[in-house]
Each structure stands twice: as C-alpha cells, then as structure tokens.
Amino acid sequence: MSKITIGLDTAKSVFHLVFMNDKGRVLKKKKLKRAQVVEHLSKLPPATVVMESCGATHYCRRAISAFGHTCKAIAPQYVVMYRKGNKHDYNDTQAIAEAAQREEMRFVSLKSQSQ
C-alpha cells in the first residue's frame, strides 16, 4: 500500500489540495471552500498533510491532526525550488507535496495552543 501525501495550499476562501503517491505521481486535485476542508479531510484515511508555514498553520495542523493525519509545515522558501511552471495555486500545492517527500526536507515545528 502506498502512502499518500496531501499538499494543502491555504488561502482566504478557497483551498487547493493535491493528492500525491509515494512515487511523486499526482493522483487527484481538489478545490474546496474554507468551511469544507476539515470536513473533507475527516472522511479520508490517515495521510500526510503538508502546507506552507503561515499565520494559520498551527491552528490548521491541530484541527487536521485530530482526524489521524500526520501534519507538517514547510517554510515557503523551501517550496519554491520544487514549483514547475508559473506560480498559481495548483503548481504551489504540487510543489508543497513534492518537497515534503524529500528526505532532507526541514519542517517547521508545531506550536501548542498556549504558545
């Protein structure tokens, strides 16, 4: 069974998801409104969900981790080198998922709610 990595690009109202297998092949792309993201991820089997580090990252990671997913965040400067083509939401999301699969990738540590 292959492991699935879900790249998640956060935005104000529309989030983009890219589902990638462990060989780097894009399995599916999805576009969801903010209110639908947590509900959609709650119905999926455990996977690795990765997003770029930003202000809402720690809240999102805590919410998504509650459903059994492994959540990680990457600093944006490490994602840029994996982007193919022009900068737009799906290319960014695919780059996030691809960067997360690299062994040498450094991730941002999760902060607790009190921090």
PDB file of N, CA and C in Angstrom:
ATOM      1  N   MET A   1       0.832  -1.181   0.000  1.00  0.00           N
ATOM      2  CA  MET A   1       0.000   0.000   0.000  1.00  0.00           C
ATOM      3  C   MET A   1       0.876   1.243   0.000  1.00  0.00           C
ATOM      4  N   SER A   2       0.599   2.167  -0.899  1.00  0.00           N
ATOM      5  CA  SER A   2       1.420   3.366  -0.983  1.00  0.00           C
ATOM      6  C   SER A   2       0.918   4.430  -0.024  1.00  0.00           C
ATOM      7  N   LYS A   3       1.843   5.260   0.441  1.00  0.00           N
ATOM      8  CA  LYS A   3       1.478   6.352   1.332  1.00  0.00           C
ATOM      9  C   LYS A   3       1.063   7.547   0.488  1.00  0.00           C
ATOM     10  N   ILE A   4       0.048   8.252   0.952  1.00  0.00           N
ATOM     11  CA  ILE A   4      -0.460   9.411   0.244  1.00  0.00           C
ATOM     12  C   ILE A   4       0.003  10.678   0.959  1.00  0.00           C
ATOM     13  N   THR A   5       0.501  11.619   0.187  1.00  0.00           N
ATOM     14  CA  THR A   5       0.848  12.937   0.689  1.00  0.00           C
ATOM     15  C   THR A   5      -0.148  13.917   0.106  1.00  0.00           C
ATOM     16  N   ILE A   6      -0.740  14.719   0.965  1.00  0.00           N
ATOM     17  CA  ILE A   6      -1.707  15.717   0.526  1.00  0.00           C
ATOM     18  C   ILE A   6      -1.075  17.091   0.702  1.00  0.00           C
ATOM     19  N   GLY A   7      -0.843  17.774  -0.407  1.00  0.00           N
ATOM     20  CA  GLY A   7      -0.364  19.146  -0.361  1.00  0.00           C
ATOM     21  C   GLY A   7      -1.565  20.057  -0.185  1.00  0.00           C
ATOM     22  N   LEU A   8      -1.481  20.996   0.739  1.00  0.00           N
ATOM     23  CA  LEU A   8      -2.598  21.880   1.042  1.00  0.00           C
ATOM     24  C   LEU A   8      -2.128  23.324   0.919  1.00  0.00           C
ATOM     25  N   ASP A   9      -2.740  24.060  -0.006  1.00  0.00           N
ATOM     26  CA  ASP A   9      -2.417  25.474  -0.189  1.00  0.00           C
ATOM     27  C   ASP A   9      -3.545  26.277   0.431  1.00  0.00           C
ATOM     28  N   THR A  10      -3.243  26.989   1.503  1.00  0.00           N
ATOM     29  CA  THR A  10      -4.261  27.754   2.208  1.00  0.00           C
ATOM     30  C   THR A  10      -4.428  29.129   1.582  1.00  0.00           C
ATOM     31  N   ALA A  11      -5.629  29.666   1.704  1.00  0.00           N
ATOM     32  CA  ALA A  11      -5.940  30.993   1.175  1.00  0.00           C
ATOM     33  C   ALA A  11      -7.070  31.585   2.006  1.00  0.00           C
ATOM     34  N   LYS A  12      -7.577  32.740   1.583  1.00  0.00           N
ATOM     35  CA  LYS A  12      -8.661  33.380   2.334  1.00  0.00           C
ATOM     36  C   LYS A  12      -9.954  32.580   2.267  1.00  0.00           C
ATOM     37  N   SER A  13     -10.351  32.162   1.076  1.00  0.00           N
ATOM     38  CA  SER A  13     -11.644  31.487   0.965  1.00  0.00           C
ATOM     39  C   SER A  13     -11.598  30.146   0.243  1.00  0.00           C
ATOM     40  N   VAL A  14     -10.642  29.941  -0.658  1.00  0.00           N
ATOM     41  CA  VAL A  14     -10.567  28.700  -1.424  1.00  0.00           C
ATOM     42  C   VAL A  14      -9.227  28.018  -1.163  1.00  0.00           C
ATOM     43  N   PHE A  15      -9.287  26.735  -0.772  1.00  0.00           N
ATOM     44  CA  PHE A  15      -8.075  25.957  -0.524  1.00  0.00           C
ATOM     45  C   PHE A  15      -7.910  24.949  -1.654  1.00  0.00           C
ATOM     46  N   HIS A  16      -6.668  24.684  -2.026  1.00  0.00           N
ATOM     47  CA  HIS A  16      -6.369  23.707  -3.070  1.00  0.00           C
ATOM     48  C   HIS A  16      -5.634  22.532  -2.442  1.00  0.00           C
ATOM     49  N   LEU A  17      -6.000  21.329  -2.864  1.00  0.00           N
ATOM     50  CA  LEU A  17      -5.365  20.112  -2.380  1.00  0.00           C
ATOM     51  C   LEU A  17      -4.848  19.316  -3.568  1.00  0.00           C
ATOM     52  N   VAL A  18      -3.674  18.717  -3.406  1.00  0.00           N
ATOM     53  CA  VAL A  18      -3.117  17.803  -4.400  1.00  0.00           C
ATOM     54  C   VAL A  18      -2.762  16.519  -3.664  1.00  0.00           C
ATOM     55  N   PHE A  19      -3.273  15.408  -4.158  1.00  0.00           N
ATOM     56  CA  PHE A  19      -3.010  14.092  -3.583  1.00  0.00           C
ATOM     57  C   PHE A  19      -1.912  13.441  -4.405  1.00  0.00           C
ATOM     58  N   MET A  20      -0.808  13.066  -3.750  1.00  0.00           N
ATOM     59  CA  MET A  20       0.357  12.528  -4.452  1.00  0.00           C
ATOM     60  C   MET A  20       0.774  11.218  -3.792  1.00  0.00           C
ATOM     61  N   ASN A  21       1.094  10.217  -4.632  1.00  0.00           N
ATOM     62  CA  ASN A  21       1.556   8.951  -4.055  1.00  0.00           C
ATOM     63  C   ASN A  21       3.040   9.041  -3.722  1.00  0.00           C
ATOM     64  N   ASP A  22       3.591   7.962  -3.143  1.00  0.00           N
ATOM     65  CA  ASP A  22       4.990   7.991  -2.703  1.00  0.00           C
ATOM     66  C   ASP A  22       5.989   8.000  -3.852  1.00  0.00           C
ATOM     67  N   LYS A  23       5.528   7.802  -5.063  1.00  0.00           N
ATOM     68  CA  LYS A  23       6.404   7.866  -6.234  1.00  0.00           C
ATOM     69  C   LYS A  23       6.385   9.244  -6.896  1.00  0.00           C
ATOM     70  N   GLY A  24       5.614  10.184  -6.341  1.00  0.00           N
ATOM     71  CA  GLY A  24       5.557  11.533  -6.871  1.00  0.00           C
ATOM     72  C   GLY A  24       4.512  11.750  -7.950  1.00  0.00           C
ATOM     73  N   ARG A  25       3.625  10.794  -8.129  1.00  0.00           N
ATOM     74  CA  ARG A  25       2.573  10.911  -9.156  1.00  0.00           C
ATOM     75  C   ARG A  25       1.340  11.578  -8.556  1.00  0.00           C
ATOM     76  N   VAL A  26       0.822  12.588  -9.236  1.00  0.00           N
ATOM     77  CA  VAL A  26      -0.384  13.268  -8.771  1.00  0.00           C
ATOM     78  C   VAL A  26      -1.577  12.372  -9.045  1.00  0.00           C
ATOM     79  N   LEU A  27      -2.300  12.031  -7.993  1.00  0.00           N
ATOM     80  CA  LEU A  27      -3.456  11.159  -8.107  1.00  0.00           C
ATOM     81  C   LEU A  27      -4.748  11.939  -8.315  1.00  0.00           C
ATOM     82  N   LYS A  28      -4.846  13.088  -7.643  1.00  0.00           N
ATOM     83  CA  LYS A  28      -6.083  13.851  -7.700  1.00  0.00           C
ATOM     84  C   LYS A  28      -5.812  15.287  -7.274  1.00  0.00           C
ATOM     85  N   LYS A  29      -6.574  16.222  -7.833  1.00  0.00           N
ATOM     86  CA  LYS A  29      -6.547  17.622  -7.425  1.00  0.00           C
ATOM     87  C   LYS A  29      -7.951  17.985  -6.967  1.00  0.00           C
ATOM     88  N   LYS A  30      -8.017  18.825  -5.951  1.00  0.00           N
ATOM     89  CA  LYS A  30      -9.323  19.209  -5.421  1.00  0.00           C
ATOM     90  C   LYS A  30      -9.280  20.665  -4.973  1.00  0.00           C
ATOM     91  N   LYS A  31     -10.390  21.365  -5.178  1.00  0.00           N
ATOM     92  CA  LYS A  31     -10.527  22.753  -4.756  1.00  0.00           C
ATOM     93  C   LYS A  31     -11.721  22.821  -3.813  1.00  0.00           C
ATOM     94  N   LEU A  32     -11.499  23.324  -2.593  1.00  0.00           N
ATOM     95  CA  LEU A  32     -12.547  23.367  -1.576  1.00  0.00           C
ATOM     96  C   LEU A  32     -12.648  24.751  -0.954  1.00  0.00           C
ATOM     97  N   LYS A  33     -13.838  25.091  -0.513  1.00  0.00           N
ATOM     98  CA  LYS A  33     -14.014  26.317   0.254  1.00  0.00           C
ATOM     99  C   LYS A  33     -13.508  26.073   1.663  1.00  0.00           C
ATOM    100  N   ARG A  34     -13.163  27.143   2.349  1.00  0.00           N
ATOM    101  CA  ARG A  34     -12.578  27.060   3.686  1.00  0.00           C
ATOM    102  C   ARG A  34     -13.389  26.159   4.621  1.00  0.00           C
ATOM    103  N   ALA A  35     -14.684  26.298   4.628  1.00  0.00           N
ATOM    104  CA  ALA A  35     -15.540  25.530   5.538  1.00  0.00           C
ATOM    105  C   ALA A  35     -15.579  24.037   5.209  1.00  0.00           C
ATOM    106  N   GLN A  36     -15.220  23.655   3.991  1.00  0.00           N
ATOM    107  CA  GLN A  36     -15.295  22.260   3.567  1.00  0.00           C
ATOM    108  C   GLN A  36     -14.023  21.468   3.834  1.00  0.00           C
ATOM    109  N   VAL A  37     -12.911  22.134   4.070  1.00  0.00           N
ATOM    110  CA  VAL A  37     -11.609  21.456   4.148  1.00  0.00           C
ATOM    111  C   VAL A  37     -11.556  20.451   5.294  1.00  0.00           C
ATOM    112  N   VAL A  38     -11.864  20.899   6.496  1.00  0.00           N
ATOM    113  CA  VAL A  38     -11.767  19.997   7.660  1.00  0.00           C
ATOM    114  C   VAL A  38     -12.748  18.842   7.513  1.00  0.00           C
ATOM    115  N   GLU A  39     -13.951  19.121   7.056  1.00  0.00           N
ATOM    116  CA  GLU A  39     -14.953  18.062   6.869  1.00  0.00           C
ATOM    117  C   GLU A  39     -14.464  17.033   5.843  1.00  0.00           C
ATOM    118  N   HIS A  40     -13.892  17.506   4.731  1.00  0.00           N
ATOM    119  CA  HIS A  40     -13.396  16.599   3.693  1.00  0.00           C
ATOM    120  C   HIS A  40     -12.249  15.739   4.224  1.00  0.00           C
ATOM    121  N   LEU A  41     -11.292  16.359   4.922  1.00  0.00           N
ATOM    122  CA  LEU A  41     -10.152  15.611   5.443  1.00  0.00           C
ATOM    123  C   LEU A  41     -10.561  14.632   6.541  1.00  0.00           C
ATOM    124  N   SER A  42     -11.661  14.908   7.244  1.00  0.00           N
ATOM    125  CA  SER A  42     -12.112  13.998   8.297  1.00  0.00           C
ATOM    126  C   SER A  42     -12.616  12.678   7.730  1.00  0.00           C
ATOM    127  N   LYS A  43     -13.008  12.669   6.464  1.00  0.00           N
ATOM    128  CA  LYS A  43     -13.545  11.463   5.829  1.00  0.00           C
ATOM    129  C   LYS A  43     -12.471  10.614   5.146  1.00  0.00           C
ATOM    130  N   LEU A  44     -11.257  11.117   5.072  1.00  0.00           N
ATOM    131  CA  LEU A  44     -10.178  10.417   4.369  1.00  0.00           C
ATOM    132  C   LEU A  44      -9.404   9.509   5.315  1.00  0.00           C
ATOM    133  N   PRO A  45      -8.812   8.430   4.787  1.00  0.00           N
ATOM    134  CA  PRO A  45      -7.933   7.601   5.625  1.00  0.00           C
ATOM    135  C   PRO A  45      -6.679   8.399   5.993  1.00  0.00           C
ATOM    136  N   PRO A  46      -6.007   8.024   7.075  1.00  0.00           N
ATOM    137  CA  PRO A  46      -4.827   8.771   7.509  1.00  0.00           C
ATOM    138  C   PRO A  46      -3.796   8.947   6.388  1.00  0.00           C
ATOM    139  N   ALA A  47      -3.317  10.161   6.250  1.00  0.00           N
ATOM    140  CA  ALA A  47      -2.330  10.509   5.240  1.00  0.00           C
ATOM    141  C   ALA A  47      -1.405  11.573   5.837  1.00  0.00           C
ATOM    142  N   THR A  48      -0.413  11.983   5.081  1.00  0.00           N
ATOM    143  CA  THR A  48       0.459  13.074   5.478  1.00  0.00           C
ATOM    144  C   THR A  48      -0.043  14.337   4.797  1.00  0.00           C
ATOM    145  N   VAL A  49      -0.450  15.310   5.585  1.00  0.00           N
ATOM    146  CA  VAL A  49      -0.958  16.579   5.066  1.00  0.00           C
ATOM    147  C   VAL A  49       0.118  17.630   5.292  1.00  0.00           C
ATOM    148  N   VAL A  50       0.515  18.306   4.212  1.00  0.00           N
ATOM    149  CA  VAL A  50       1.606  19.267   4.282  1.00  0.00           C
ATOM    150  C   VAL A  50       1.141  20.607   3.741  1.00  0.00           C
ATOM    151  N   MET A  51       1.558  21.684   4.421  1.00  0.00           N
ATOM    152  CA  MET A  51       1.218  23.032   3.972  1.00  0.00           C
ATOM    153  C   MET A  51       2.406  23.954   4.182  1.00  0.00           C
ATOM    154  N   GLU A  52       2.359  25.092   3.518  1.00  0.00           N
ATOM    155  CA  GLU A  52       3.386  26.105   3.746  1.00  0.00           C
ATOM    156  C   GLU A  52       3.124  26.754   5.093  1.00  0.00           C
ATOM    157  N   SER A  53       4.182  27.127   5.762  1.00  0.00           N
ATOM    158  CA  SER A  53       4.062  27.763   7.053  1.00  0.00           C
ATOM    159  C   SER A  53       3.529  29.187   6.891  1.00  0.00           C
ATOM    160  N   CYS A  54       2.497  29.516   7.671  1.00  0.00           N
ATOM    161  CA  CYS A  54       1.916  30.861   7.659  1.00  0.00           C
ATOM    162  C   CYS A  54       1.238  31.093   9.003  1.00  0.00           C
ATOM    163  N   GLY A  55       0.496  32.173   9.139  1.00  0.00           N
ATOM    164  CA  GLY A  55      -0.128  32.516  10.411  1.00  0.00           C
ATOM    165  C   GLY A  55      -1.135  31.493  10.910  1.00  0.00           C
ATOM    166  N   ALA A  56      -1.878  30.870  10.031  1.00  0.00           N
ATOM    167  CA  ALA A  56      -2.930  29.930  10.439  1.00  0.00           C
ATOM    168  C   ALA A  56      -2.457  28.479  10.465  1.00  0.00           C
ATOM    169  N   THR A  57      -1.214  28.247  10.167  1.00  0.00           N
ATOM    170  CA  THR A  57      -0.693  26.882  10.049  1.00  0.00           C
ATOM    171  C   THR A  57      -0.896  26.060  11.315  1.00  0.00           C
ATOM    172  N   HIS A  58      -0.577  26.621  12.446  1.00  0.00           N
ATOM    173  CA  HIS A  58      -0.626  25.843  13.683  1.00  0.00           C
ATOM    174  C   HIS A  58      -2.058  25.456  14.045  1.00  0.00           C
ATOM    175  N   TYR A  59      -3.015  26.356  13.822  1.00  0.00           N
ATOM    176  CA  TYR A  59      -4.420  26.016  14.061  1.00  0.00           C
ATOM    177  C   TYR A  59      -4.857  24.895  13.119  1.00  0.00           C
ATOM    178  N   CYS A  60      -4.534  25.037  11.829  1.00  0.00           N
ATOM    179  CA  CYS A  60      -4.913  24.024  10.836  1.00  0.00           C
ATOM    180  C   CYS A  60      -4.302  22.673  11.175  1.00  0.00           C
ATOM    181  N   ARG A  61      -3.053  22.665  11.578  1.00  0.00           N
ATOM    182  CA  ARG A  61      -2.385  21.413  11.892  1.00  0.00           C
ATOM    183  C   ARG A  61      -3.031  20.716  13.078  1.00  0.00           C
ATOM    184  N   ARG A  62      -3.421  21.477  14.097  1.00  0.00           N
ATOM    185  CA  ARG A  62      -4.084  20.856  15.252  1.00  0.00           C
ATOM    186  C   ARG A  62      -5.443  20.283  14.856  1.00  0.00           C
ATOM    187  N   ALA A  63      -6.190  21.024  14.036  1.00  0.00           N
ATOM    188  CA  ALA A  63      -7.522  20.568  13.614  1.00  0.00           C
ATOM    189  C   ALA A  63      -7.429  19.315  12.753  1.00  0.00           C
ATOM    190  N   ILE A  64      -6.481  19.282  11.832  1.00  0.00           N
ATOM    191  CA  ILE A  64      -6.338  18.153  10.910  1.00  0.00           C
ATOM    192  C   ILE A  64      -5.748  16.930  11.618  1.00  0.00           C
ATOM    193  N   SER A  65      -4.847  17.138  12.552  1.00  0.00           N
ATOM    194  CA  SER A  65      -4.236  16.030  13.289  1.00  0.00           C
ATOM    195  C   SER A  65      -5.262  15.259  14.111  1.00  0.00           C
ATOM    196  N   ALA A  66      -6.330  15.917  14.498  1.00  0.00           N
ATOM    197  CA  ALA A  66      -7.370  15.265  15.299  1.00  0.00           C
ATOM    198  C   ALA A  66      -8.035  14.105  14.550  1.00  0.00           C
ATOM    199  N   PHE A  67      -7.908  14.070  13.222  1.00  0.00           N
ATOM    200  CA  PHE A  67      -8.520  13.010  12.419  1.00  0.00           C
ATOM    201  C   PHE A  67      -7.538  11.897  12.070  1.00  0.00           C
ATOM    202  N   GLY A  68      -6.362  11.885  12.692  1.00  0.00           N
ATOM    203  CA  GLY A  68      -5.394  10.819  12.478  1.00  0.00           C
ATOM    204  C   GLY A  68      -4.379  11.085  11.393  1.00  0.00           C
ATOM    205  N   HIS A  69      -4.433  12.260  10.780  1.00  0.00           N
ATOM    206  CA  HIS A  69      -3.457  12.603   9.745  1.00  0.00           C
ATOM    207  C   HIS A  69      -2.161  13.079  10.395  1.00  0.00           C
ATOM    208  N   THR A  70      -1.065  12.881   9.703  1.00  0.00           N
ATOM    209  CA  THR A  70       0.207  13.451  10.108  1.00  0.00           C
ATOM    210  C   THR A  70       0.317  14.797   9.413  1.00  0.00           C
ATOM    211  N   CYS A  71       0.479  15.859  10.179  1.00  0.00           N
ATOM    212  CA  CYS A  71       0.523  17.202   9.594  1.00  0.00           C
ATOM    213  C   CYS A  71       1.925  17.783   9.716  1.00  0.00           C
ATOM    214  N   LYS A  72       2.361  18.409   8.647  1.00  0.00           N
ATOM    215  CA  LYS A  72       3.677  19.025   8.606  1.00  0.00           C
ATOM    216  C   LYS A  72       3.561  20.384   7.938  1.00  0.00           C
ATOM    217  N   ALA A  73       4.518  21.241   8.238  1.00  0.00           N
ATOM    218  CA  ALA A  73       4.569  22.555   7.589  1.00  0.00           C
ATOM    219  C   ALA A  73       5.990  22.799   7.100  1.00  0.00           C
ATOM    220  N   ILE A  74       6.089  23.424   5.944  1.00  0.00           N
ATOM    221  CA  ILE A  74       7.378  23.726   5.327  1.00  0.00           C
ATOM    222  C   ILE A  74       7.477  25.231   5.161  1.00  0.00           C
ATOM    223  N   ALA A  75       8.664  25.785   5.416  1.00  0.00           N
ATOM    224  CA  ALA A  75       8.892  27.206   5.171  1.00  0.00           C
ATOM    225  C   ALA A  75       8.777  27.469   3.667  1.00  0.00           C
ATOM    226  N   PRO A  76       8.120  28.559   3.273  1.00  0.00           N
ATOM    227  CA  PRO A  76       7.878  28.831   1.849  1.00  0.00           C
ATOM    228  C   PRO A  76       9.138  28.851   0.982  1.00  0.00           C
ATOM    229  N   GLN A  77      10.271  29.288   1.532  1.00  0.00           N
ATOM    230  CA  GLN A  77      11.487  29.356   0.711  1.00  0.00           C
ATOM    231  C   GLN A  77      11.990  27.979   0.284  1.00  0.00           C
ATOM    232  N   TYR A  78      11.591  26.909   0.992  1.00  0.00           N
ATOM    233  CA  TYR A  78      11.999  25.563   0.600  1.00  0.00           C
ATOM    234  C   TYR A  78      11.078  24.964  -0.460  1.00  0.00           C
ATOM    235  N   VAL A  79       9.909  25.534  -0.634  1.00  0.00           N
ATOM    236  CA  VAL A  79       8.941  25.024  -1.602  1.00  0.00           C
ATOM    237  C   VAL A  79       9.219  25.568  -3.005  1.00  0.00           C
ATOM    238  N   VAL A  80       9.722  26.788  -3.098  1.00  0.00           N
ATOM    239  CA  VAL A  80       9.894  27.482  -4.380  1.00  0.00           C
ATOM    240  C   VAL A  80      10.680  26.657  -5.388  1.00  0.00           C
ATOM    241  N   MET A  81      11.717  25.995  -4.952  1.00  0.00           N
ATOM    242  CA  MET A  81      12.580  25.268  -5.901  1.00  0.00           C
ATOM    243  C   MET A  81      11.910  24.023  -6.499  1.00  0.00           C
ATOM    244  N   TYR A  82      10.776  23.595  -5.937  1.00  0.00           N
ATOM    245  CA  TYR A  82      10.075  22.423  -6.463  1.00  0.00           C
ATOM    246  C   TYR A  82       8.895  22.791  -7.358  1.00  0.00           C
ATOM    247  N   ARG A  83       8.621  24.084  -7.506  1.00  0.00           N
ATOM    248  CA  ARG A  83       7.498  24.519  -8.332  1.00  0.00           C
ATOM    249  C   ARG A  83       7.854  24.388  -9.799  1.00  0.00           C
ATOM    250  N   LYS A  84       6.939  23.797 -10.558  1.00  0.00           N
ATOM    251  CA  LYS A  84       7.122  23.647 -12.003  1.00  0.00           C
ATOM    252  C   LYS A  84       6.180  24.622 -12.688  1.00  0.00           C
ATOM    253  N   GLY A  85       6.693  25.428 -13.568  1.00  0.00           N
ATOM    254  CA  GLY A  85       5.844  26.365 -14.303  1.00  0.00           C
ATOM    255  C   GLY A  85       5.569  27.636 -13.521  1.00  0.00           C
ATOM    256  N   ASN A  86       4.550  28.351 -13.952  1.00  0.00           N
ATOM    257  CA  ASN A  86       4.194  29.629 -13.351  1.00  0.00           C
ATOM    258  C   ASN A  86       3.605  29.439 -11.957  1.00  0.00           C
ATOM    259  N   LYS A  87       3.629  30.534 -11.201  1.00  0.00           N
ATOM    260  CA  LYS A  87       3.086  30.478  -9.845  1.00  0.00           C
ATOM    261  C   LYS A  87       1.563  30.599  -9.889  1.00  0.00           C
ATOM    262  N   HIS A  88       0.897  29.527  -9.533  1.00  0.00           N
ATOM    263  CA  HIS A  88      -0.540  29.548  -9.297  1.00  0.00           C
ATOM    264  C   HIS A  88      -0.847  28.452  -8.288  1.00  0.00           C
ATOM    265  N   ASP A  89      -2.083  28.425  -7.808  1.00  0.00           N
ATOM    266  CA  ASP A  89      -2.415  27.597  -6.649  1.00  0.00           C
ATOM    267  C   ASP A  89      -2.099  26.115  -6.820  1.00  0.00           C
ATOM    268  N   TYR A  90      -2.450  25.519  -7.957  1.00  0.00           N
ATOM    269  CA  TYR A  90      -2.187  24.088  -8.130  1.00  0.00           C
ATOM    270  C   TYR A  90      -0.693  23.789  -8.246  1.00  0.00           C
ATOM    271  N   ASN A  91       0.056  24.643  -8.934  1.00  0.00           N
ATOM    272  CA  ASN A  91       1.506  24.437  -9.011  1.00  0.00           C
ATOM    273  C   ASN A  91       2.139  24.576  -7.626  1.00  0.00           C
ATOM    274  N   ASP A  92       1.678  25.545  -6.842  1.00  0.00           N
ATOM    275  CA  ASP A  92       2.193  25.703  -5.480  1.00  0.00           C
ATOM    276  C   ASP A  92       1.876  24.477  -4.628  1.00  0.00           C
ATOM    277  N   THR A  93       0.658  23.983  -4.738  1.00  0.00           N
ATOM    278  CA  THR A  93       0.235  22.839  -3.943  1.00  0.00           C
ATOM    279  C   THR A  93       1.011  21.576  -4.324  1.00  0.00           C
ATOM    280  N   GLN A  94       1.237  21.394  -5.606  1.00  0.00           N
ATOM    281  CA  GLN A  94       2.018  20.244  -6.055  1.00  0.00           C
ATOM    282  C   GLN A  94       3.459  20.358  -5.563  1.00  0.00           C
ATOM    283  N   ALA A  95       4.008  21.551  -5.580  1.00  0.00           N
ATOM    284  CA  ALA A  95       5.370  21.768  -5.090  1.00  0.00           C
ATOM    285  C   ALA A  95       5.468  21.477  -3.594  1.00  0.00           C
ATOM    286  N   ILE A  96       4.442  21.838  -2.836  1.00  0.00           N
ATOM    287  CA  ILE A  96       4.423  21.559  -1.390  1.00  0.00           C
ATOM    288  C   ILE A  96       4.466  20.047  -1.152  1.00  0.00           C
ATOM    289  N   ALA A  97       3.624  19.310  -1.873  1.00  0.00           N
ATOM    290  CA  ALA A  97       3.576  17.851  -1.710  1.00  0.00           C
ATOM    291  C   ALA A  97       4.900  17.205  -2.130  1.00  0.00           C
ATOM    292  N   GLU A  98       5.462  17.680  -3.224  1.00  0.00           N
ATOM    293  CA  GLU A  98       6.728  17.110  -3.699  1.00  0.00           C
ATOM    294  C   GLU A  98       7.872  17.415  -2.743  1.00  0.00           C
ATOM    295  N   ALA A  99       7.943  18.625  -2.240  1.00  0.00           N
ATOM    296  CA  ALA A  99       9.004  19.000  -1.302  1.00  0.00           C
ATOM    297  C   ALA A  99       8.915  18.177  -0.019  1.00  0.00           C
ATOM    298  N   ALA A 100       7.711  17.883   0.414  1.00  0.00           N
ATOM    299  CA  ALA A 100       7.518  17.122   1.656  1.00  0.00           C
ATOM    300  C   ALA A 100       8.041  15.702   1.548  1.00  0.00           C
ATOM    301  N   GLN A 101       8.129  15.170   0.343  1.00  0.00           N
ATOM    302  CA  GLN A 101       8.580  13.795   0.162  1.00  0.00           C
ATOM    303  C   GLN A 101      10.102  13.659   0.129  1.00  0.00           C
ATOM    304  N   ARG A 102      10.799  14.751   0.183  1.00  0.00           N
ATOM    305  CA  ARG A 102      12.262  14.715   0.179  1.00  0.00           C
ATOM    306  C   ARG A 102      12.792  14.376   1.568  1.00  0.00           C
ATOM    307  N   GLU A 103      13.758  13.469   1.623  1.00  0.00           N
ATOM    308  CA  GLU A 103      14.310  13.032   2.910  1.00  0.00           C
ATOM    309  C   GLU A 103      14.986  14.160   3.672  1.00  0.00           C
ATOM    310  N   GLU A 104      15.653  15.048   2.971  1.00  0.00           N
ATOM    311  CA  GLU A 104      16.437  16.097   3.624  1.00  0.00           C
ATOM    312  C   GLU A 104      15.619  17.349   3.960  1.00  0.00           C
ATOM    313  N   MET A 105      14.327  17.324   3.731  1.00  0.00           N
ATOM    314  CA  MET A 105      13.476  18.495   3.963  1.00  0.00           C
ATOM    315  C   MET A 105      13.376  18.812   5.456  1.00  0.00           C
ATOM    316  N   ARG A 106      13.436  20.109   5.750  1.00  0.00           N
ATOM    317  CA  ARG A 106      13.286  20.575   7.134  1.00  0.00           C
ATOM    318  C   ARG A 106      11.864  21.114   7.302  1.00  0.00           C
ATOM    319  N   PHE A 107      11.232  20.718   8.379  1.00  0.00           N
ATOM    320  CA  PHE A 107       9.856  21.122   8.637  1.00  0.00           C
ATOM    321  C   PHE A 107       9.791  22.079   9.826  1.00  0.00           C
ATOM    322  N   VAL A 108       8.752  22.871   9.878  1.00  0.00           N
ATOM    323  CA  VAL A 108       8.517  23.802  10.961  1.00  0.00           C
ATOM    324  C   VAL A 108       7.864  23.037  12.104  1.00  0.00           C
ATOM    325  N   SER A 109       8.345  23.251  13.331  1.00  0.00           N
ATOM    326  CA  SER A 109       7.776  22.517  14.460  1.00  0.00           C
ATOM    327  C   SER A 109       6.410  23.093  14.835  1.00  0.00           C
ATOM    328  N   LEU A 110       5.553  22.231  15.348  1.00  0.00           N
ATOM    329  CA  LEU A 110       4.188  22.610  15.722  1.00  0.00           C
ATOM    330  C   LEU A 110       4.197  23.320  17.075  1.00  0.00           C
ATOM    331  N   LYS A 111       3.451  24.411  17.149  1.00  0.00           N
ATOM    332  CA  LYS A 111       3.303  25.133  18.410  1.00  0.00           C
ATOM    333  C   LYS A 111       1.994  24.709  19.073  1.00  0.00           C
ATOM    334  N   SER A 112       2.019  24.659  20.400  1.00  0.00           N
ATOM    335  CA  SER A 112       0.795  24.327  21.122  1.00  0.00           C
ATOM    336  C   SER A 112      -0.108  25.555  21.159  1.00  0.00           C
ATOM    337  N   GLN A 113      -1.335  25.384  21.584  1.00  0.00           N
ATOM    338  CA  GLN A 113      -2.275  26.492  21.627  1.00  0.00           C
ATOM    339  C   GLN A 113      -1.827  27.561  22.620  1.00  0.00           C
ATOM    340  N   SER A 114      -1.196  27.156  23.707  1.00  0.00           N
ATOM    341  CA  SER A 114      -0.736  28.127  24.723  1.00  0.00           C
ATOM    342  C   SER A 114       0.439  28.953  24.227  1.00  0.00           C
ATOM    343  N   GLN A 115       1.229  28.427  23.298  1.00  0.00           N
ATOM    344  CA  GLN A 115       2.370  29.182  22.780  1.00  0.00           C
ATOM    345  C   GLN A 115       1.904  30.262  21.850  1.00  0.00           C
TER     346      GLN A 115
END
